[in-house]
Amino acid sequence: MQTHRKKRLEVIIEAPLMRRVLEQYEKMGVSGYSVLPVIAGSGHDGSWSAEGQIGEAGHMVAIVCIVDPARLDQVLEAAYKVVSRQIGFIAVSDVEVVRSERF
């Protein structure tokens, strides 16, 4: 089966900021994404957990999308506008997909 090279962009950010990232994606014409809960982790300031927290303020989400490599810089810059001054990070990786037209 033939596969096609794409870029996977993962944005880990505080849940209340999710809408801002998604608004940027919509402006850029990103055709799809998935949002996943992040329940615990460890980073620059040590370990953390969403367990026992009330509301979304301390919760984190992972926003995952796959884009064509030609569009990566544009989409990455839009996401970075939101993440640059917040808690979180962005990761980019190479992936291969079966249905290239969807990305």
C-alpha atoms as a PDB file:
ATOM      1  CA  MET A   1       0.000   0.000   0.000  1.00  0.00           C
ATOM      2  CA  GLN A   2       1.286   3.454  -0.866  1.00  0.00           C
ATOM      3  CA  THR A   3       1.834   5.986   1.918  1.00  0.00           C
ATOM      4  CA  HIS A   4       2.436   9.732   1.808  1.00  0.00           C
ATOM      5  CA  ARG A   5       4.723  11.831   4.003  1.00  0.00           C
ATOM      6  CA  LYS A   6       3.097  14.427   6.231  1.00  0.00           C
ATOM      7  CA  LYS A   7       3.878  16.297   9.448  1.00  0.00           C
ATOM      8  CA  ARG A   8       2.209  15.631  12.801  1.00  0.00           C
ATOM      9  CA  LEU A   9       1.837  18.682  14.996  1.00  0.00           C
ATOM     10  CA  GLU A  10       1.078  18.189  18.697  1.00  0.00           C
ATOM     11  CA  VAL A  11       0.233  21.126  20.926  1.00  0.00           C
ATOM     12  CA  ILE A  12       0.074  20.464  24.668  1.00  0.00           C
ATOM     13  CA  ILE A  13      -1.571  23.413  26.379  1.00  0.00           C
ATOM     14  CA  GLU A  14      -3.839  24.371  29.273  1.00  0.00           C
ATOM     15  CA  ALA A  15      -7.453  23.464  28.482  1.00  0.00           C
ATOM     16  CA  PRO A  16      -8.827  27.037  28.721  1.00  0.00           C
ATOM     17  CA  LEU A  17      -6.547  28.028  25.809  1.00  0.00           C
ATOM     18  CA  MET A  18      -7.680  25.194  23.536  1.00  0.00           C
ATOM     19  CA  ARG A  19     -10.266  27.358  21.770  1.00  0.00           C
ATOM     20  CA  ARG A  20      -7.583  29.911  20.799  1.00  0.00           C
ATOM     21  CA  VAL A  21      -5.440  27.230  19.142  1.00  0.00           C
ATOM     22  CA  LEU A  22      -8.458  25.798  17.324  1.00  0.00           C
ATOM     23  CA  GLU A  23      -9.462  29.261  16.094  1.00  0.00           C
ATOM     24  CA  GLN A  24      -5.966  29.650  14.608  1.00  0.00           C
ATOM     25  CA  TYR A  25      -6.280  26.247  12.922  1.00  0.00           C
ATOM     26  CA  GLU A  26      -9.634  27.214  11.430  1.00  0.00           C
ATOM     27  CA  LYS A  27      -8.131  30.456  10.058  1.00  0.00           C
ATOM     28  CA  MET A  28      -5.313  28.407   8.486  1.00  0.00           C
ATOM     29  CA  GLY A  29      -7.752  25.956   6.914  1.00  0.00           C
ATOM     30  CA  VAL A  30      -6.550  22.926   8.889  1.00  0.00           C
ATOM     31  CA  SER A  31      -8.997  20.241   7.766  1.00  0.00           C
ATOM     32  CA  GLY A  32      -8.972  18.120  10.917  1.00  0.00           C
ATOM     33  CA  TYR A  33      -7.596  17.698  14.385  1.00  0.00           C
ATOM     34  CA  SER A  34      -8.153  15.680  17.548  1.00  0.00           C
ATOM     35  CA  VAL A  35      -8.198  16.941  21.133  1.00  0.00           C
ATOM     36  CA  LEU A  36      -7.159  14.529  23.882  1.00  0.00           C
ATOM     37  CA  PRO A  37      -7.114  15.004  27.657  1.00  0.00           C
ATOM     38  CA  VAL A  38      -3.683  15.058  29.312  1.00  0.00           C
ATOM     39  CA  ILE A  39      -4.139  13.784  32.847  1.00  0.00           C
ATOM     40  CA  ALA A  40      -0.618  14.005  34.281  1.00  0.00           C
ATOM     41  CA  GLY A  41       2.958  14.725  33.353  1.00  0.00           C
ATOM     42  CA  SER A  42       6.300  16.140  34.305  1.00  0.00           C
ATOM     43  CA  GLY A  43       8.049  19.180  32.927  1.00  0.00           C
ATOM     44  CA  HIS A  44      10.262  22.145  33.688  1.00  0.00           C
ATOM     45  CA  ASP A  45       8.553  22.768  37.037  1.00  0.00           C
ATOM     46  CA  GLY A  46       8.288  19.097  38.041  1.00  0.00           C
ATOM     47  CA  SER A  47       5.461  16.586  38.151  1.00  0.00           C
ATOM     48  CA  TRP A  48       1.809  17.567  37.996  1.00  0.00           C
ATOM     49  CA  SER A  49      -1.595  15.886  37.865  1.00  0.00           C
ATOM     50  CA  ALA A  50      -5.120  17.008  37.051  1.00  0.00           C
ATOM     51  CA  GLU A  51      -6.457  14.648  39.704  1.00  0.00           C
ATOM     52  CA  GLY A  52      -8.657  16.408  42.220  1.00  0.00           C
ATOM     53  CA  GLN A  53      -8.675  19.746  40.417  1.00  0.00           C
ATOM     54  CA  ILE A  54     -11.983  21.532  40.073  1.00  0.00           C
ATOM     55  CA  GLY A  55     -12.732  23.220  36.755  1.00  0.00           C
ATOM     56  CA  GLU A  56     -10.551  23.377  33.667  1.00  0.00           C
ATOM     57  CA  ALA A  57      -7.980  25.885  34.904  1.00  0.00           C
ATOM     58  CA  GLY A  58      -5.334  23.272  35.755  1.00  0.00           C
ATOM     59  CA  HIS A  59      -6.245  20.749  33.081  1.00  0.00           C
ATOM     60  CA  MET A  60      -4.118  20.193  29.985  1.00  0.00           C
ATOM     61  CA  VAL A  61      -5.090  18.989  26.510  1.00  0.00           C
ATOM     62  CA  ALA A  62      -3.200  17.631  23.517  1.00  0.00           C
ATOM     63  CA  ILE A  63      -4.296  19.011  20.153  1.00  0.00           C
ATOM     64  CA  VAL A  64      -3.072  16.787  17.330  1.00  0.00           C
ATOM     65  CA  CYS A  65      -3.254  17.521  13.622  1.00  0.00           C
ATOM     66  CA  ILE A  66      -1.538  16.262  10.493  1.00  0.00           C
ATOM     67  CA  VAL A  67      -0.606  18.695   7.735  1.00  0.00           C
ATOM     68  CA  ASP A  68       1.183  18.685   4.439  1.00  0.00           C
ATOM     69  CA  PRO A  69       4.882  19.579   4.869  1.00  0.00           C
ATOM     70  CA  ALA A  70       4.419  22.615   2.592  1.00  0.00           C
ATOM     71  CA  ARG A  71       1.967  24.087   5.129  1.00  0.00           C
ATOM     72  CA  LEU A  72       3.866  23.218   8.304  1.00  0.00           C
ATOM     73  CA  ASP A  73       5.568  26.576   8.889  1.00  0.00           C
ATOM     74  CA  GLN A  74       2.309  28.485   8.479  1.00  0.00           C
ATOM     75  CA  VAL A  75       0.343  26.248  10.864  1.00  0.00           C
ATOM     76  CA  LEU A  76       3.228  26.017  13.344  1.00  0.00           C
ATOM     77  CA  GLU A  77       3.547  29.794  13.515  1.00  0.00           C
ATOM     78  CA  ALA A  78      -0.202  30.165  14.166  1.00  0.00           C
ATOM     79  CA  ALA A  79      -0.082  27.644  17.024  1.00  0.00           C
ATOM     80  CA  TYR A  80       3.055  29.232  18.472  1.00  0.00           C
ATOM     81  CA  LYS A  81       1.287  32.603  18.732  1.00  0.00           C
ATOM     82  CA  VAL A  82      -0.937  31.041  21.380  1.00  0.00           C
ATOM     83  CA  VAL A  83       1.609  28.806  23.140  1.00  0.00           C
ATOM     84  CA  SER A  84       4.613  31.147  23.272  1.00  0.00           C
ATOM     85  CA  ARG A  85       3.625  32.845  26.546  1.00  0.00           C
ATOM     86  CA  GLN A  86       1.729  29.968  28.124  1.00  0.00           C
ATOM     87  CA  ILE A  87       2.411  26.680  29.860  1.00  0.00           C
ATOM     88  CA  GLY A  88       2.794  23.979  27.238  1.00  0.00           C
ATOM     89  CA  PHE A  89       4.815  22.912  24.242  1.00  0.00           C
ATOM     90  CA  ILE A  90       4.662  22.055  20.553  1.00  0.00           C
ATOM     91  CA  ALA A  91       6.180  18.959  18.960  1.00  0.00           C
ATOM     92  CA  VAL A  92       6.533  18.179  15.260  1.00  0.00           C
ATOM     93  CA  SER A  93       7.206  14.728  13.852  1.00  0.00           C
ATOM     94  CA  ASP A  94       7.284  12.954  10.509  1.00  0.00           C
ATOM     95  CA  VAL A  95       4.402  10.602   9.758  1.00  0.00           C
ATOM     96  CA  GLU A  96       3.107   8.678   6.779  1.00  0.00           C
ATOM     97  CA  VAL A  97      -0.585   8.481   5.933  1.00  0.00           C
ATOM     98  CA  VAL A  98      -2.572   6.301   3.583  1.00  0.00           C
ATOM     99  CA  ARG A  99      -5.148   8.875   2.384  1.00  0.00           C
ATOM    100  CA  SER A 100      -3.071  11.900   1.426  1.00  0.00           C
ATOM    101  CA  GLU A 101      -6.052  13.916   0.149  1.00  0.00           C
ATOM    102  CA  ARG A 102      -7.421  14.205   3.695  1.00  0.00           C
ATOM    103  CA  PHE A 103      -4.469  16.295   4.839  1.00  0.00           C
END
